[in-house]
Amino acid sequence: MSVTPPPAPSSASDPVFLNNPYTGHPSLTPLEADVLWEYAKLAANVKQVASKAKGLSKEPDEQLLARLRDLEKKMGLVLTLFKASIWGVINEQQ
């Protein structure tokens, strides 16, 4: 049973995305103000991703977990075959 987490605040409604709060600051050059604004937008995006990841980790999707288990088994087989081929190459060189 999968529960959808509550929607995170939209980027468009977040005030940090609407206008640059650092514009016109007397201690900052325009470039520094733009860089700080980009960092603020990045921080808002990271918070949004973290909240969505937290929602996913509370109640994982069973179908996704089953698919990931299948993938893990296949990757284990690929790793075993890769190790065997490396071992074969090493033995041929000796």
PDB file of N, CA and C in Angstrom:
ATOM      1  N   MET A   1       0.840  -1.172   0.000  1.00  0.00           N
ATOM      2  CA  MET A   1       0.000   0.000   0.000  1.00  0.00           C
ATOM      3  C   MET A   1       0.888   1.238   0.000  1.00  0.00           C
ATOM      4  N   SER A   2       0.679   2.102  -0.939  1.00  0.00           N
ATOM      5  CA  SER A   2       1.521   3.284  -1.080  1.00  0.00           C
ATOM      6  C   SER A   2       0.744   4.530  -0.666  1.00  0.00           C
ATOM      7  N   VAL A   3       1.382   5.342   0.145  1.00  0.00           N
ATOM      8  CA  VAL A   3       0.778   6.587   0.589  1.00  0.00           C
ATOM      9  C   VAL A   3       1.538   7.731  -0.048  1.00  0.00           C
ATOM     10  N   THR A   4       0.819   8.640  -0.671  1.00  0.00           N
ATOM     11  CA  THR A   4       1.452   9.782  -1.316  1.00  0.00           C
ATOM     12  C   THR A   4       1.754  10.846  -0.269  1.00  0.00           C
ATOM     13  N   PRO A   5       3.012  11.324  -0.221  1.00  0.00           N
ATOM     14  CA  PRO A   5       3.345  12.367   0.743  1.00  0.00           C
ATOM     15  C   PRO A   5       2.649  13.670   0.381  1.00  0.00           C
ATOM     16  N   PRO A   6       2.461  14.556   1.350  1.00  0.00           N
ATOM     17  CA  PRO A   6       1.826  15.836   1.033  1.00  0.00           C
ATOM     18  C   PRO A   6       2.681  16.620   0.053  1.00  0.00           C
ATOM     19  N   PRO A   7       2.061  17.373  -0.835  1.00  0.00           N
ATOM     20  CA  PRO A   7       2.833  18.102  -1.842  1.00  0.00           C
ATOM     21  C   PRO A   7       3.720  19.154  -1.192  1.00  0.00           C
ATOM     22  N   ALA A   8       4.921  19.246  -1.714  1.00  0.00           N
ATOM     23  CA  ALA A   8       5.863  20.257  -1.231  1.00  0.00           C
ATOM     24  C   ALA A   8       5.465  21.592  -1.838  1.00  0.00           C
ATOM     25  N   PRO A   9       5.858  22.684  -1.209  1.00  0.00           N
ATOM     26  CA  PRO A   9       5.511  23.987  -1.775  1.00  0.00           C
ATOM     27  C   PRO A   9       6.081  24.142  -3.177  1.00  0.00           C
ATOM     28  N   SER A  10       5.305  24.700  -4.041  1.00  0.00           N
ATOM     29  CA  SER A  10       5.736  24.870  -5.422  1.00  0.00           C
ATOM     30  C   SER A  10       6.820  25.933  -5.525  1.00  0.00           C
ATOM     31  N   SER A  11       7.710  25.728  -6.467  1.00  0.00           N
ATOM     32  CA  SER A  11       8.815  26.665  -6.656  1.00  0.00           C
ATOM     33  C   SER A  11       8.303  28.045  -7.043  1.00  0.00           C
ATOM     34  N   ALA A  12       7.241  28.083  -7.812  1.00  0.00           N
ATOM     35  CA  ALA A  12       6.736  29.365  -8.290  1.00  0.00           C
ATOM     36  C   ALA A  12       6.166  30.209  -7.153  1.00  0.00           C
ATOM     37  N   SER A  13       5.607  29.562  -6.119  1.00  0.00           N
ATOM     38  CA  SER A  13       5.019  30.327  -5.027  1.00  0.00           C
ATOM     39  C   SER A  13       6.042  30.703  -3.963  1.00  0.00           C
ATOM     40  N   ASP A  14       7.217  30.130  -4.033  1.00  0.00           N
ATOM     41  CA  ASP A  14       8.265  30.438  -3.057  1.00  0.00           C
ATOM     42  C   ASP A  14       8.820  31.827  -3.363  1.00  0.00           C
ATOM     43  N   PRO A  15       8.835  32.725  -2.364  1.00  0.00           N
ATOM     44  CA  PRO A  15       9.274  34.101  -2.650  1.00  0.00           C
ATOM     45  C   PRO A  15      10.714  34.215  -3.117  1.00  0.00           C
ATOM     46  N   VAL A  16      11.548  33.235  -2.776  1.00  0.00           N
ATOM     47  CA  VAL A  16      12.957  33.319  -3.184  1.00  0.00           C
ATOM     48  C   VAL A  16      13.099  33.214  -4.708  1.00  0.00           C
ATOM     49  N   PHE A  17      12.091  32.624  -5.387  1.00  0.00           N
ATOM     50  CA  PHE A  17      12.170  32.466  -6.838  1.00  0.00           C
ATOM     51  C   PHE A  17      11.584  33.667  -7.588  1.00  0.00           C
ATOM     52  N   LEU A  18      10.844  34.499  -6.893  1.00  0.00           N
ATOM     53  CA  LEU A  18      10.159  35.597  -7.576  1.00  0.00           C
ATOM     54  C   LEU A  18      11.057  36.791  -7.853  1.00  0.00           C
ATOM     55  N   ASN A  19      11.819  37.207  -6.851  1.00  0.00           N
ATOM     56  CA  ASN A  19      12.726  38.330  -7.090  1.00  0.00           C
ATOM     57  C   ASN A  19      13.964  38.172  -6.224  1.00  0.00           C
ATOM     58  N   ASN A  20      15.016  38.820  -6.640  1.00  0.00           N
ATOM     59  CA  ASN A  20      16.301  38.711  -5.965  1.00  0.00           C
ATOM     60  C   ASN A  20      16.306  39.623  -4.736  1.00  0.00           C
ATOM     61  N   PRO A  21      16.327  39.028  -3.524  1.00  0.00           N
ATOM     62  CA  PRO A  21      16.317  39.871  -2.320  1.00  0.00           C
ATOM     63  C   PRO A  21      17.648  40.577  -2.079  1.00  0.00           C
ATOM     64  N   TYR A  22      18.682  40.188  -2.797  1.00  0.00           N
ATOM     65  CA  TYR A  22      20.009  40.770  -2.597  1.00  0.00           C
ATOM     66  C   TYR A  22      20.291  41.947  -3.530  1.00  0.00           C
ATOM     67  N   THR A  23      19.406  42.204  -4.467  1.00  0.00           N
ATOM     68  CA  THR A  23      19.599  43.308  -5.404  1.00  0.00           C
ATOM     69  C   THR A  23      19.582  44.633  -4.642  1.00  0.00           C
ATOM     70  N   GLY A  24      20.529  45.482  -4.943  1.00  0.00           N
ATOM     71  CA  GLY A  24      20.581  46.797  -4.329  1.00  0.00           C
ATOM     72  C   GLY A  24      21.220  46.838  -2.956  1.00  0.00           C
ATOM     73  N   HIS A  25      21.739  45.705  -2.492  1.00  0.00           N
ATOM     74  CA  HIS A  25      22.413  45.710  -1.191  1.00  0.00           C
ATOM     75  C   HIS A  25      23.708  46.497  -1.325  1.00  0.00           C
ATOM     76  N   PRO A  26      23.979  47.429  -0.393  1.00  0.00           N
ATOM     77  CA  PRO A  26      25.148  48.300  -0.558  1.00  0.00           C
ATOM     78  C   PRO A  26      26.488  47.577  -0.471  1.00  0.00           C
ATOM     79  N   SER A  27      26.536  46.434   0.192  1.00  0.00           N
ATOM     80  CA  SER A  27      27.812  45.733   0.359  1.00  0.00           C
ATOM     81  C   SER A  27      28.099  44.731  -0.751  1.00  0.00           C
ATOM     82  N   LEU A  28      27.172  44.561  -1.679  1.00  0.00           N
ATOM     83  CA  LEU A  28      27.323  43.524  -2.705  1.00  0.00           C
ATOM     84  C   LEU A  28      27.394  44.127  -4.096  1.00  0.00           C
ATOM     85  N   THR A  29      28.243  43.526  -4.917  1.00  0.00           N
ATOM     86  CA  THR A  29      28.246  43.872  -6.334  1.00  0.00           C
ATOM     87  C   THR A  29      27.062  43.162  -6.989  1.00  0.00           C
ATOM     88  N   PRO A  30      26.647  43.586  -8.163  1.00  0.00           N
ATOM     89  CA  PRO A  30      25.542  42.886  -8.840  1.00  0.00           C
ATOM     90  C   PRO A  30      25.838  41.398  -9.058  1.00  0.00           C
ATOM     91  N   LEU A  31      27.083  41.075  -9.369  1.00  0.00           N
ATOM     92  CA  LEU A  31      27.442  39.675  -9.568  1.00  0.00           C
ATOM     93  C   LEU A  31      27.304  38.881  -8.267  1.00  0.00           C
ATOM     94  N   GLU A  32      27.779  39.457  -7.168  1.00  0.00           N
ATOM     95  CA  GLU A  32      27.662  38.779  -5.876  1.00  0.00           C
ATOM     96  C   GLU A  32      26.197  38.591  -5.487  1.00  0.00           C
ATOM     97  N   ALA A  33      25.376  39.595  -5.769  1.00  0.00           N
ATOM     98  CA  ALA A  33      23.950  39.486  -5.479  1.00  0.00           C
ATOM     99  C   ALA A  33      23.315  38.365  -6.291  1.00  0.00           C
ATOM    100  N   ASP A  34      23.687  38.254  -7.563  1.00  0.00           N
ATOM    101  CA  ASP A  34      23.157  37.182  -8.405  1.00  0.00           C
ATOM    102  C   ASP A  34      23.618  35.811  -7.915  1.00  0.00           C
ATOM    103  N   VAL A  35      24.874  35.708  -7.511  1.00  0.00           N
ATOM    104  CA  VAL A  35      25.398  34.429  -7.020  1.00  0.00           C
ATOM    105  C   VAL A  35      24.674  34.018  -5.734  1.00  0.00           C
ATOM    106  N   LEU A  36      24.475  34.978  -4.822  1.00  0.00           N
ATOM    107  CA  LEU A  36      23.757  34.666  -3.583  1.00  0.00           C
ATOM    108  C   LEU A  36      22.320  34.250  -3.861  1.00  0.00           C
ATOM    109  N   TRP A  37      21.691  34.888  -4.850  1.00  0.00           N
ATOM    110  CA  TRP A  37      20.327  34.514  -5.205  1.00  0.00           C
ATOM    111  C   TRP A  37      20.275  33.095  -5.762  1.00  0.00           C
ATOM    112  N   GLU A  38      21.255  32.743  -6.603  1.00  0.00           N
ATOM    113  CA  GLU A  38      21.309  31.377  -7.134  1.00  0.00           C
ATOM    114  C   GLU A  38      21.496  30.367  -6.006  1.00  0.00           C
ATOM    115  N   TYR A  39      22.342  30.692  -5.017  1.00  0.00           N
ATOM    116  CA  TYR A  39      22.509  29.803  -3.867  1.00  0.00           C
ATOM    117  C   TYR A  39      21.217  29.671  -3.070  1.00  0.00           C
ATOM    118  N   ALA A  40      20.470  30.751  -2.927  1.00  0.00           N
ATOM    119  CA  ALA A  40      19.192  30.699  -2.213  1.00  0.00           C
ATOM    120  C   ALA A  40      18.196  29.815  -2.952  1.00  0.00           C
ATOM    121  N   LYS A  41      18.162  29.938  -4.288  1.00  0.00           N
ATOM    122  CA  LYS A  41      17.265  29.084  -5.075  1.00  0.00           C
ATOM    123  C   LYS A  41      17.693  27.625  -4.984  1.00  0.00           C
ATOM    124  N   LEU A  42      19.007  27.378  -5.022  1.00  0.00           N
ATOM    125  CA  LEU A  42      19.510  26.017  -4.887  1.00  0.00           C
ATOM    126  C   LEU A  42      19.138  25.431  -3.528  1.00  0.00           C
ATOM    127  N   ALA A  43      19.277  26.229  -2.473  1.00  0.00           N
ATOM    128  CA  ALA A  43      18.927  25.754  -1.134  1.00  0.00           C
ATOM    129  C   ALA A  43      17.443  25.411  -1.053  1.00  0.00           C
ATOM    130  N   ALA A  44      16.596  26.222  -1.674  1.00  0.00           N
ATOM    131  CA  ALA A  44      15.161  25.935  -1.682  1.00  0.00           C
ATOM    132  C   ALA A  44      14.866  24.638  -2.428  1.00  0.00           C
ATOM    133  N   ASN A  45      15.549  24.424  -3.547  1.00  0.00           N
ATOM    134  CA  ASN A  45      15.358  23.189  -4.308  1.00  0.00           C
ATOM    135  C   ASN A  45      15.835  21.968  -3.526  1.00  0.00           C
ATOM    136  N   VAL A  46      16.952  22.097  -2.838  1.00  0.00           N
ATOM    137  CA  VAL A  46      17.478  20.978  -2.044  1.00  0.00           C
ATOM    138  C   VAL A  46      16.517  20.648  -0.911  1.00  0.00           C
ATOM    139  N   LYS A  47      15.949  21.671  -0.278  1.00  0.00           N
ATOM    140  CA  LYS A  47      14.964  21.426   0.783  1.00  0.00           C
ATOM    141  C   LYS A  47      13.748  20.692   0.228  1.00  0.00           C
ATOM    142  N   GLN A  48      13.312  21.072  -0.964  1.00  0.00           N
ATOM    143  CA  GLN A  48      12.156  20.431  -1.587  1.00  0.00           C
ATOM    144  C   GLN A  48      12.466  18.969  -1.905  1.00  0.00           C
ATOM    145  N   VAL A  49      13.640  18.694  -2.440  1.00  0.00           N
ATOM    146  CA  VAL A  49      14.033  17.317  -2.743  1.00  0.00           C
ATOM    147  C   VAL A  49      14.141  16.497  -1.460  1.00  0.00           C
ATOM    148  N   ALA A  50      14.702  17.098  -0.409  1.00  0.00           N
ATOM    149  CA  ALA A  50      14.846  16.396   0.862  1.00  0.00           C
ATOM    150  C   ALA A  50      13.491  16.048   1.456  1.00  0.00           C
ATOM    151  N   SER A  51      12.531  16.962   1.347  1.00  0.00           N
ATOM    152  CA  SER A  51      11.211  16.667   1.902  1.00  0.00           C
ATOM    153  C   SER A  51      10.521  15.556   1.115  1.00  0.00           C
ATOM    154  N   LYS A  52      10.697  15.548  -0.201  1.00  0.00           N
ATOM    155  CA  LYS A  52      10.108  14.476  -1.003  1.00  0.00           C
ATOM    156  C   LYS A  52      10.787  13.147  -0.704  1.00  0.00           C
ATOM    157  N   ALA A  53      12.111  13.158  -0.538  1.00  0.00           N
ATOM    158  CA  ALA A  53      12.836  11.929  -0.218  1.00  0.00           C
ATOM    159  C   ALA A  53      12.426  11.408   1.154  1.00  0.00           C
ATOM    160  N   LYS A  54      12.205  12.319   2.084  1.00  0.00           N
ATOM    161  CA  LYS A  54      11.772  11.916   3.423  1.00  0.00           C
ATOM    162  C   LYS A  54      10.400  11.251   3.353  1.00  0.00           C
ATOM    163  N   GLY A  55       9.526  11.803   2.535  1.00  0.00           N
ATOM    164  CA  GLY A  55       8.203  11.199   2.355  1.00  0.00           C
ATOM    165  C   GLY A  55       8.285   9.819   1.737  1.00  0.00           C
ATOM    166  N   LEU A  56       9.203   9.636   0.818  1.00  0.00           N
ATOM    167  CA  LEU A  56       9.364   8.326   0.186  1.00  0.00           C
ATOM    168  C   LEU A  56       9.965   7.312   1.147  1.00  0.00           C
ATOM    169  N   SER A  57      10.835   7.765   2.032  1.00  0.00           N
ATOM    170  CA  SER A  57      11.502   6.831   2.929  1.00  0.00           C
ATOM    171  C   SER A  57      10.589   6.366   4.058  1.00  0.00           C
ATOM    172  N   LYS A  58       9.536   7.128   4.361  1.00  0.00           N
ATOM    173  CA  LYS A  58       8.630   6.722   5.431  1.00  0.00           C
ATOM    174  C   LYS A  58       7.839   5.487   5.034  1.00  0.00           C
ATOM    175  N   GLU A  59       7.324   5.454   3.844  1.00  0.00           N
ATOM    176  CA  GLU A  59       6.552   4.314   3.366  1.00  0.00           C
ATOM    177  C   GLU A  59       7.003   3.992   1.943  1.00  0.00           C
ATOM    178  N   PRO A  60       7.965   3.083   1.795  1.00  0.00           N
ATOM    179  CA  PRO A  60       8.503   2.794   0.461  1.00  0.00           C
ATOM    180  C   PRO A  60       7.475   2.104  -0.436  1.00  0.00           C
ATOM    181  N   ASP A  61       7.633   2.303  -1.700  1.00  0.00           N
ATOM    182  CA  ASP A  61       6.764   1.705  -2.705  1.00  0.00           C
ATOM    183  C   ASP A  61       7.166   0.241  -2.885  1.00  0.00           C
ATOM    184  N   GLU A  62       6.265  -0.669  -2.604  1.00  0.00           N
ATOM    185  CA  GLU A  62       6.574  -2.105  -2.662  1.00  0.00           C
ATOM    186  C   GLU A  62       6.914  -2.559  -4.078  1.00  0.00           C
ATOM    187  N   GLN A  63       6.228  -2.019  -5.062  1.00  0.00           N
ATOM    188  CA  GLN A  63       6.504  -2.397  -6.446  1.00  0.00           C
ATOM    189  C   GLN A  63       7.910  -1.946  -6.848  1.00  0.00           C
ATOM    190  N   LEU A  64       8.287  -0.751  -6.440  1.00  0.00           N
ATOM    191  CA  LEU A  64       9.631  -0.254  -6.733  1.00  0.00           C
ATOM    192  C   LEU A  64      10.671  -1.106  -6.024  1.00  0.00           C
ATOM    193  N   LEU A  65      10.415  -1.475  -4.781  1.00  0.00           N
ATOM    194  CA  LEU A  65      11.360  -2.316  -4.043  1.00  0.00           C
ATOM    195  C   LEU A  65      11.547  -3.664  -4.724  1.00  0.00           C
ATOM    196  N   ALA A  66      10.471  -4.251  -5.217  1.00  0.00           N
ATOM    197  CA  ALA A  66      10.572  -5.539  -5.911  1.00  0.00           C
ATOM    198  C   ALA A  66      11.416  -5.404  -7.175  1.00  0.00           C
ATOM    199  N   ARG A  67      11.211  -4.321  -7.920  1.00  0.00           N
ATOM    200  CA  ARG A  67      12.000  -4.099  -9.134  1.00  0.00           C
ATOM    201  C   ARG A  67      13.467  -3.860  -8.797  1.00  0.00           C
ATOM    202  N   LEU A  68      13.727  -3.143  -7.708  1.00  0.00           N
ATOM    203  CA  LEU A  68      15.111  -2.900  -7.300  1.00  0.00           C
ATOM    204  C   LEU A  68      15.785  -4.187  -6.840  1.00  0.00           C
ATOM    205  N   ARG A  69      15.035  -5.085  -6.188  1.00  0.00           N
ATOM    206  CA  ARG A  69      15.606  -6.377  -5.788  1.00  0.00           C
ATOM    207  C   ARG A  69      16.005  -7.191  -7.016  1.00  0.00           C
ATOM    208  N   ASP A  70      15.147  -7.192  -8.043  1.00  0.00           N
ATOM    209  CA  ASP A  70      15.491  -7.889  -9.290  1.00  0.00           C
ATOM    210  C   ASP A  70      16.754  -7.303  -9.904  1.00  0.00           C
ATOM    211  N   LEU A  71      16.839  -5.993  -9.917  1.00  0.00           N
ATOM    212  CA  LEU A  71      18.014  -5.325 -10.461  1.00  0.00           C
ATOM    213  C   LEU A  71      19.257  -5.676  -9.647  1.00  0.00           C
ATOM    214  N   GLU A  72      19.111  -5.742  -8.334  1.00  0.00           N
ATOM    215  CA  GLU A  72      20.242  -6.086  -7.469  1.00  0.00           C
ATOM    216  C   GLU A  72      20.745  -7.500  -7.772  1.00  0.00           C
ATOM    217  N   LYS A  73      19.832  -8.430  -7.989  1.00  0.00           N
ATOM    218  CA  LYS A  73      20.229  -9.804  -8.330  1.00  0.00           C
ATOM    219  C   LYS A  73      20.982  -9.840  -9.660  1.00  0.00           C
ATOM    220  N   LYS A  74      20.474  -9.104 -10.646  1.00  0.00           N
ATOM    221  CA  LYS A  74      21.134  -9.068 -11.946  1.00  0.00           C
ATOM    222  C   LYS A  74      22.513  -8.432 -11.844  1.00  0.00           C
ATOM    223  N   MET A  75      22.626  -7.363 -11.060  1.00  0.00           N
ATOM    224  CA  MET A  75      23.925  -6.708 -10.890  1.00  0.00           C
ATOM    225  C   MET A  75      24.903  -7.632 -10.170  1.00  0.00           C
ATOM    226  N   GLY A  76      24.396  -8.432  -9.235  1.00  0.00           N
ATOM    227  CA  GLY A  76      25.257  -9.407  -8.565  1.00  0.00           C
ATOM    228  C   GLY A  76      25.795 -10.428  -9.559  1.00  0.00           C
ATOM    229  N   LEU A  77      24.948 -10.876 -10.478  1.00  0.00           N
ATOM    230  CA  LEU A  77      25.384 -11.821 -11.503  1.00  0.00           C
ATOM    231  C   LEU A  77      26.415 -11.182 -12.421  1.00  0.00           C
ATOM    232  N   VAL A  78      26.167  -9.940 -12.832  1.00  0.00           N
ATOM    233  CA  VAL A  78      27.111  -9.238 -13.693  1.00  0.00           C
ATOM    234  C   VAL A  78      28.454  -9.082 -12.989  1.00  0.00           C
ATOM    235  N   LEU A  79      28.444  -8.733 -11.708  1.00  0.00           N
ATOM    236  CA  LEU A  79      29.683  -8.570 -10.953  1.00  0.00           C
ATOM    237  C   LEU A  79      30.432  -9.900 -10.858  1.00  0.00           C
ATOM    238  N   THR A  80      29.701 -10.979 -10.610  1.00  0.00           N
ATOM    239  CA  THR A  80      30.340 -12.295 -10.531  1.00  0.00           C
ATOM    240  C   THR A  80      30.992 -12.665 -11.859  1.00  0.00           C
ATOM    241  N   LEU A  81      30.283 -12.442 -12.972  1.00  0.00           N
ATOM    242  CA  LEU A  81      30.836 -12.750 -14.281  1.00  0.00           C
ATOM    243  C   LEU A  81      32.040 -11.857 -14.599  1.00  0.00           C
ATOM    244  N   PHE A  82      31.973 -10.606 -14.185  1.00  0.00           N
ATOM    245  CA  PHE A  82      33.091  -9.686 -14.405  1.00  0.00           C
ATOM    246  C   PHE A  82      34.319 -10.150 -13.631  1.00  0.00           C
ATOM    247  N   LYS A  83      34.123 -10.530 -12.368  1.00  0.00           N
ATOM    248  CA  LYS A  83      35.243 -11.018 -11.561  1.00  0.00           C
ATOM    249  C   LYS A  83      35.841 -12.285 -12.164  1.00  0.00           C
ATOM    250  N   ALA A  84      34.973 -13.164 -12.671  1.00  0.00           N
ATOM    251  CA  ALA A  84      35.455 -14.401 -13.283  1.00  0.00           C
ATOM    252  C   ALA A  84      36.278 -14.095 -14.531  1.00  0.00           C
ATOM    253  N   SER A  85      35.844 -13.134 -15.327  1.00  0.00           N
ATOM    254  CA  SER A  85      36.598 -12.805 -16.542  1.00  0.00           C
ATOM    255  C   SER A  85      37.932 -12.158 -16.178  1.00  0.00           C
ATOM    256  N   ILE A  86      37.969 -11.327 -15.160  1.00  0.00           N
ATOM    257  CA  ILE A  86      39.228 -10.733 -14.707  1.00  0.00           C
ATOM    258  C   ILE A  86      40.163 -11.815 -14.207  1.00  0.00           C
ATOM    259  N   TRP A  87      39.610 -12.753 -13.436  1.00  0.00           N
ATOM    260  CA  TRP A  87      40.414 -13.863 -12.919  1.00  0.00           C
ATOM    261  C   TRP A  87      40.996 -14.672 -14.081  1.00  0.00           C
ATOM    262  N   GLY A  88      40.199 -14.878 -15.133  1.00  0.00           N
ATOM    263  CA  GLY A  88      40.682 -15.608 -16.307  1.00  0.00           C
ATOM    264  C   GLY A  88      41.819 -14.877 -16.997  1.00  0.00           C
ATOM    265  N   VAL A  89      41.703 -13.571 -17.124  1.00  0.00           N
ATOM    266  CA  VAL A  89      42.761 -12.779 -17.767  1.00  0.00           C
ATOM    267  C   VAL A  89      44.043 -12.839 -16.932  1.00  0.00           C
ATOM    268  N   ILE A  90      43.912 -12.739 -15.619  1.00  0.00           N
ATOM    269  CA  ILE A  90      45.090 -12.794 -14.743  1.00  0.00           C
ATOM    270  C   ILE A  90      45.764 -14.155 -14.844  1.00  0.00           C
ATOM    271  N   ASN A  91      44.990 -15.217 -14.874  1.00  0.00           N
ATOM    272  CA  ASN A  91      45.563 -16.570 -14.983  1.00  0.00           C
ATOM    273  C   ASN A  91      46.250 -16.792 -16.329  1.00  0.00           C
ATOM    274  N   GLU A  92      45.723 -16.196 -17.394  1.00  0.00           N
ATOM    275  CA  GLU A  92      46.357 -16.326 -18.695  1.00  0.00           C
ATOM    276  C   GLU A  92      47.697 -15.636 -18.745  1.00  0.00           C
ATOM    277  N   GLN A  93      47.834 -14.530 -18.032  1.00  0.00           N
ATOM    278  CA  GLN A  93      49.073 -13.762 -18.045  1.00  0.00           C
ATOM    279  C   GLN A  93      50.177 -14.484 -17.271  1.00  0.00           C
ATOM    280  N   GLN A  94      49.829 -15.312 -16.320  1.00  0.00           N
ATOM    281  CA  GLN A  94      50.848 -16.011 -15.521  1.00  0.00           C
ATOM    282  C   GLN A  94      51.264 -17.218 -16.252  1.00  0.00           C
TER     283      GLN A  94
END
